[in-house]
Amino acid sequence: MPKPLKKGVKSIAYKVWENGLSLEWYLSSWFLFMYLYQVFLIVAGILVPLTALSFFTWPFILAGIVMLKQNFRKWAGLVVLAALTYPVLLVVGQFLGK
């Protein structure tokens, strides 16, 4: 069980973790949904196929999520960095793919 944070912390992710559910499963399910939705948008023709460049962030996001319990600050930073790279690659792929 994680140690409690300062009074007033109300984020959904923290509440999930506080209630004993796995933060790793919570985060990975959101990222998986995001990638599946992107595949749907590519198949539907809304996004160009080159936007799949953003899939290169998945291994880094997953590795960071798996390692969260070892050193939360370090690995959460990696997850955030990879998550910030995702929309950049998405826009670059959309721009270059047209």
N, C-alpha and C. Protein backbone atom coordinates (compact mmCIF):
# COMPACT_ATOMS: atom_id res chain seq x y z
N MET A 1 0.84 -1.18 0.00
CA MET A 1 0.00 0.00 0.00
C MET A 1 0.89 1.24 0.00
N PRO A 2 0.61 2.21 -0.88
CA PRO A 2 1.45 3.40 -0.94
C PRO A 2 1.29 4.25 0.32
N LYS A 3 2.34 4.98 0.63
CA LYS A 3 2.22 5.86 1.78
C LYS A 3 1.36 7.06 1.40
N PRO A 4 0.56 7.53 2.32
CA PRO A 4 -0.37 8.62 2.01
C PRO A 4 0.36 9.91 1.62
N LEU A 5 -0.22 10.62 0.68
CA LEU A 5 0.31 11.91 0.29
C LEU A 5 -0.30 13.00 1.16
N LYS A 6 0.09 14.23 0.90
CA LYS A 6 -0.43 15.35 1.66
C LYS A 6 -1.95 15.40 1.56
N LYS A 7 -2.54 15.98 2.57
CA LYS A 7 -3.99 16.13 2.58
C LYS A 7 -4.42 16.97 1.39
N GLY A 8 -5.48 16.53 0.73
CA GLY A 8 -6.01 17.27 -0.40
C GLY A 8 -5.68 16.66 -1.75
N VAL A 9 -4.89 15.58 -1.79
CA VAL A 9 -4.58 14.94 -3.06
C VAL A 9 -5.82 14.19 -3.52
N LYS A 10 -6.34 14.56 -4.68
CA LYS A 10 -7.61 13.99 -5.13
C LYS A 10 -7.55 13.45 -6.56
N SER A 11 -6.37 13.25 -7.13
CA SER A 11 -6.31 12.77 -8.51
C SER A 11 -6.90 11.36 -8.61
N ILE A 12 -7.46 11.08 -9.76
CA ILE A 12 -8.09 9.77 -9.99
C ILE A 12 -7.05 8.66 -9.88
N ALA A 13 -5.87 8.87 -10.48
CA ALA A 13 -4.84 7.84 -10.43
C ALA A 13 -4.43 7.54 -8.99
N TYR A 14 -4.31 8.58 -8.16
CA TYR A 14 -3.94 8.35 -6.77
C TYR A 14 -5.05 7.62 -6.02
N LYS A 15 -6.30 7.98 -6.29
CA LYS A 15 -7.42 7.30 -5.62
C LYS A 15 -7.46 5.83 -6.00
N VAL A 16 -7.16 5.51 -7.25
CA VAL A 16 -7.10 4.10 -7.67
C VAL A 16 -6.02 3.38 -6.90
N TRP A 17 -4.85 4.00 -6.79
CA TRP A 17 -3.72 3.40 -6.09
C TRP A 17 -4.02 3.27 -4.60
N GLU A 18 -4.66 4.27 -4.04
CA GLU A 18 -4.98 4.29 -2.62
C GLU A 18 -5.95 3.16 -2.24
N ASN A 19 -6.85 2.83 -3.15
CA ASN A 19 -7.84 1.79 -2.88
C ASN A 19 -7.30 0.38 -3.12
N GLY A 20 -6.02 0.25 -3.37
CA GLY A 20 -5.41 -1.07 -3.48
C GLY A 20 -5.38 -1.63 -4.89
N LEU A 21 -5.92 -0.92 -5.84
CA LEU A 21 -5.84 -1.37 -7.22
C LEU A 21 -4.47 -1.03 -7.77
N SER A 22 -4.06 -1.71 -8.77
CA SER A 22 -2.73 -1.52 -9.32
C SER A 22 -2.68 -0.29 -10.22
N LEU A 23 -1.82 0.64 -9.89
CA LEU A 23 -1.63 1.83 -10.72
C LEU A 23 -1.11 1.44 -12.10
N GLU A 24 -0.30 0.38 -12.14
CA GLU A 24 0.26 -0.07 -13.41
C GLU A 24 -0.83 -0.54 -14.37
N TRP A 25 -1.79 -1.31 -13.85
CA TRP A 25 -2.89 -1.78 -14.70
C TRP A 25 -3.76 -0.62 -15.14
N TYR A 26 -4.00 0.30 -14.25
CA TYR A 26 -4.82 1.48 -14.56
C TYR A 26 -4.20 2.28 -15.71
N LEU A 27 -2.92 2.61 -15.57
CA LEU A 27 -2.25 3.41 -16.59
C LEU A 27 -2.11 2.66 -17.91
N SER A 28 -1.72 1.39 -17.84
CA SER A 28 -1.54 0.64 -19.08
C SER A 28 -2.86 0.45 -19.81
N SER A 29 -3.97 0.33 -19.09
CA SER A 29 -5.26 0.19 -19.78
C SER A 29 -5.63 1.49 -20.50
N TRP A 30 -5.32 2.65 -19.93
CA TRP A 30 -5.58 3.90 -20.61
C TRP A 30 -4.72 4.05 -21.85
N PHE A 31 -3.44 3.73 -21.75
CA PHE A 31 -2.57 3.83 -22.91
C PHE A 31 -2.96 2.83 -23.99
N LEU A 32 -3.34 1.62 -23.60
CA LEU A 32 -3.78 0.63 -24.58
C LEU A 32 -5.03 1.10 -25.30
N PHE A 33 -5.98 1.68 -24.58
CA PHE A 33 -7.18 2.23 -25.20
C PHE A 33 -6.82 3.33 -26.19
N MET A 34 -5.86 4.18 -25.82
CA MET A 34 -5.44 5.28 -26.69
C MET A 34 -4.85 4.73 -28.00
N TYR A 35 -4.00 3.72 -27.90
CA TYR A 35 -3.41 3.14 -29.10
C TYR A 35 -4.44 2.41 -29.95
N LEU A 36 -5.35 1.69 -29.33
CA LEU A 36 -6.39 1.01 -30.10
C LEU A 36 -7.29 2.01 -30.81
N TYR A 37 -7.60 3.10 -30.16
CA TYR A 37 -8.40 4.15 -30.79
C TYR A 37 -7.66 4.75 -31.98
N GLN A 38 -6.36 4.92 -31.85
CA GLN A 38 -5.57 5.43 -32.96
C GLN A 38 -5.59 4.46 -34.13
N VAL A 39 -5.49 3.16 -33.86
CA VAL A 39 -5.58 2.17 -34.93
C VAL A 39 -6.94 2.27 -35.62
N PHE A 40 -8.00 2.44 -34.84
CA PHE A 40 -9.33 2.61 -35.42
C PHE A 40 -9.37 3.83 -36.33
N LEU A 41 -8.78 4.95 -35.89
CA LEU A 41 -8.78 6.16 -36.70
C LEU A 41 -7.95 6.01 -37.98
N ILE A 42 -6.89 5.22 -37.92
CA ILE A 42 -6.08 4.95 -39.11
C ILE A 42 -6.88 4.10 -40.09
N VAL A 43 -7.52 3.05 -39.59
CA VAL A 43 -8.31 2.16 -40.45
C VAL A 43 -9.50 2.90 -41.05
N ALA A 44 -10.09 3.80 -40.30
CA ALA A 44 -11.23 4.57 -40.79
C ALA A 44 -10.81 5.65 -41.78
N GLY A 45 -9.53 5.89 -41.93
CA GLY A 45 -9.05 6.87 -42.89
C GLY A 45 -9.00 8.29 -42.36
N ILE A 46 -9.21 8.47 -41.09
CA ILE A 46 -9.16 9.81 -40.48
C ILE A 46 -7.72 10.24 -40.25
N LEU A 47 -6.90 9.32 -39.81
CA LEU A 47 -5.46 9.57 -39.65
C LEU A 47 -4.71 8.84 -40.76
N VAL A 48 -3.60 9.40 -41.18
CA VAL A 48 -2.78 8.73 -42.20
C VAL A 48 -1.97 7.62 -41.53
N PRO A 49 -1.62 6.58 -42.29
CA PRO A 49 -0.87 5.46 -41.69
C PRO A 49 0.47 5.85 -41.07
N LEU A 50 1.08 6.93 -41.53
CA LEU A 50 2.38 7.33 -40.98
C LEU A 50 2.27 7.80 -39.53
N THR A 51 1.06 8.07 -39.05
CA THR A 51 0.91 8.44 -37.64
C THR A 51 1.25 7.28 -36.72
N ALA A 52 1.39 6.09 -37.29
CA ALA A 52 1.80 4.93 -36.50
C ALA A 52 3.22 5.10 -35.97
N LEU A 53 3.92 6.14 -36.38
CA LEU A 53 5.23 6.46 -35.80
C LEU A 53 5.12 6.57 -34.28
N SER A 54 3.99 7.05 -33.81
CA SER A 54 3.81 7.24 -32.37
C SER A 54 3.80 5.93 -31.60
N PHE A 55 3.64 4.80 -32.29
CA PHE A 55 3.68 3.51 -31.62
C PHE A 55 5.06 3.18 -31.06
N PHE A 56 6.08 3.88 -31.52
CA PHE A 56 7.43 3.67 -31.00
C PHE A 56 7.56 4.08 -29.53
N THR A 57 6.62 4.86 -29.03
CA THR A 57 6.68 5.26 -27.62
C THR A 57 6.16 4.16 -26.70
N TRP A 58 5.40 3.20 -27.22
CA TRP A 58 4.78 2.16 -26.39
C TRP A 58 5.78 1.39 -25.53
N PRO A 59 6.92 0.89 -26.07
CA PRO A 59 7.85 0.16 -25.20
C PRO A 59 8.38 0.99 -24.04
N PHE A 60 8.61 2.27 -24.27
CA PHE A 60 9.13 3.14 -23.21
C PHE A 60 8.07 3.41 -22.15
N ILE A 61 6.84 3.62 -22.61
CA ILE A 61 5.74 3.83 -21.66
C ILE A 61 5.52 2.58 -20.83
N LEU A 62 5.48 1.43 -21.48
CA LEU A 62 5.25 0.18 -20.76
C LEU A 62 6.38 -0.13 -19.79
N ALA A 63 7.62 0.09 -20.22
CA ALA A 63 8.75 -0.15 -19.32
C ALA A 63 8.69 0.75 -18.11
N GLY A 64 8.35 2.00 -18.32
CA GLY A 64 8.22 2.93 -17.20
C GLY A 64 7.12 2.54 -16.24
N ILE A 65 6.00 2.09 -16.79
CA ILE A 65 4.88 1.67 -15.94
C ILE A 65 5.23 0.45 -15.11
N VAL A 66 5.92 -0.50 -15.73
CA VAL A 66 6.30 -1.73 -15.03
C VAL A 66 7.27 -1.43 -13.89
N MET A 67 8.15 -0.45 -14.08
CA MET A 67 9.18 -0.15 -13.10
C MET A 67 8.77 0.89 -12.05
N LEU A 68 7.52 1.34 -12.07
CA LEU A 68 7.08 2.39 -11.15
C LEU A 68 7.33 2.08 -9.68
N LYS A 69 7.19 0.83 -9.29
CA LYS A 69 7.34 0.49 -7.87
C LYS A 69 8.78 0.54 -7.39
N GLN A 70 9.75 0.46 -8.29
CA GLN A 70 11.15 0.52 -7.88
C GLN A 70 11.57 1.93 -7.49
N ASN A 71 11.35 2.88 -8.40
CA ASN A 71 11.72 4.26 -8.15
C ASN A 71 10.68 5.13 -8.84
N PHE A 72 9.66 5.51 -8.10
CA PHE A 72 8.49 6.16 -8.69
C PHE A 72 8.85 7.43 -9.44
N ARG A 73 9.63 8.30 -8.86
CA ARG A 73 9.96 9.59 -9.50
C ARG A 73 10.70 9.40 -10.81
N LYS A 74 11.69 8.54 -10.81
CA LYS A 74 12.50 8.32 -12.01
C LYS A 74 11.65 7.74 -13.13
N TRP A 75 10.91 6.69 -12.84
CA TRP A 75 10.15 6.00 -13.89
C TRP A 75 8.89 6.76 -14.28
N ALA A 76 8.29 7.48 -13.37
CA ALA A 76 7.14 8.31 -13.74
C ALA A 76 7.60 9.41 -14.69
N GLY A 77 8.80 9.90 -14.49
CA GLY A 77 9.36 10.90 -15.40
C GLY A 77 9.54 10.33 -16.80
N LEU A 78 9.99 9.08 -16.90
CA LEU A 78 10.13 8.44 -18.20
C LEU A 78 8.77 8.27 -18.88
N VAL A 79 7.77 7.87 -18.11
CA VAL A 79 6.42 7.70 -18.66
C VAL A 79 5.90 9.03 -19.18
N VAL A 80 6.09 10.08 -18.41
CA VAL A 80 5.62 11.41 -18.83
C VAL A 80 6.37 11.87 -20.08
N LEU A 81 7.66 11.65 -20.11
CA LEU A 81 8.46 12.04 -21.28
C LEU A 81 8.00 11.29 -22.53
N ALA A 82 7.80 9.99 -22.40
CA ALA A 82 7.32 9.20 -23.54
C ALA A 82 5.91 9.61 -23.94
N ALA A 83 5.08 9.91 -22.95
CA ALA A 83 3.70 10.35 -23.25
C ALA A 83 3.70 11.72 -23.92
N LEU A 84 4.66 12.57 -23.61
CA LEU A 84 4.78 13.87 -24.28
C LEU A 84 5.29 13.72 -25.71
N THR A 85 6.07 12.69 -25.96
CA THR A 85 6.60 12.43 -27.29
C THR A 85 5.51 11.88 -28.21
N TYR A 86 4.52 11.21 -27.64
CA TYR A 86 3.44 10.60 -28.43
C TYR A 86 2.72 11.60 -29.33
N PRO A 87 2.18 12.72 -28.83
CA PRO A 87 1.48 13.64 -29.74
C PRO A 87 2.41 14.32 -30.74
N VAL A 88 3.67 14.50 -30.36
CA VAL A 88 4.62 15.09 -31.30
C VAL A 88 4.80 14.17 -32.50
N LEU A 89 5.00 12.88 -32.25
CA LEU A 89 5.14 11.92 -33.34
C LEU A 89 3.85 11.78 -34.14
N LEU A 90 2.73 11.90 -33.46
CA LEU A 90 1.43 11.83 -34.13
C LEU A 90 1.28 12.99 -35.13
N VAL A 91 1.62 14.19 -34.72
CA VAL A 91 1.52 15.36 -35.59
C VAL A 91 2.55 15.29 -36.73
N VAL A 92 3.76 14.86 -36.41
CA VAL A 92 4.78 14.72 -37.45
C VAL A 92 4.34 13.69 -38.49
N GLY A 93 3.82 12.57 -38.04
CA GLY A 93 3.34 11.54 -38.97
C GLY A 93 2.19 12.03 -39.83
N GLN A 94 1.27 12.77 -39.23
CA GLN A 94 0.13 13.32 -39.99
C GLN A 94 0.62 14.34 -41.01
N PHE A 95 1.58 15.17 -40.63
CA PHE A 95 2.10 16.20 -41.52
C PHE A 95 2.87 15.58 -42.70
N LEU A 96 3.76 14.62 -42.39
CA LEU A 96 4.58 14.01 -43.43
C LEU A 96 3.79 13.04 -44.31
N GLY A 97 2.72 12.49 -43.78
CA GLY A 97 1.94 11.49 -44.50
C GLY A 97 0.98 12.04 -45.53
N LYS A 98 0.79 13.33 -45.53
CA LYS A 98 -0.17 13.92 -46.51
C LYS A 98 0.46 14.20 -47.82
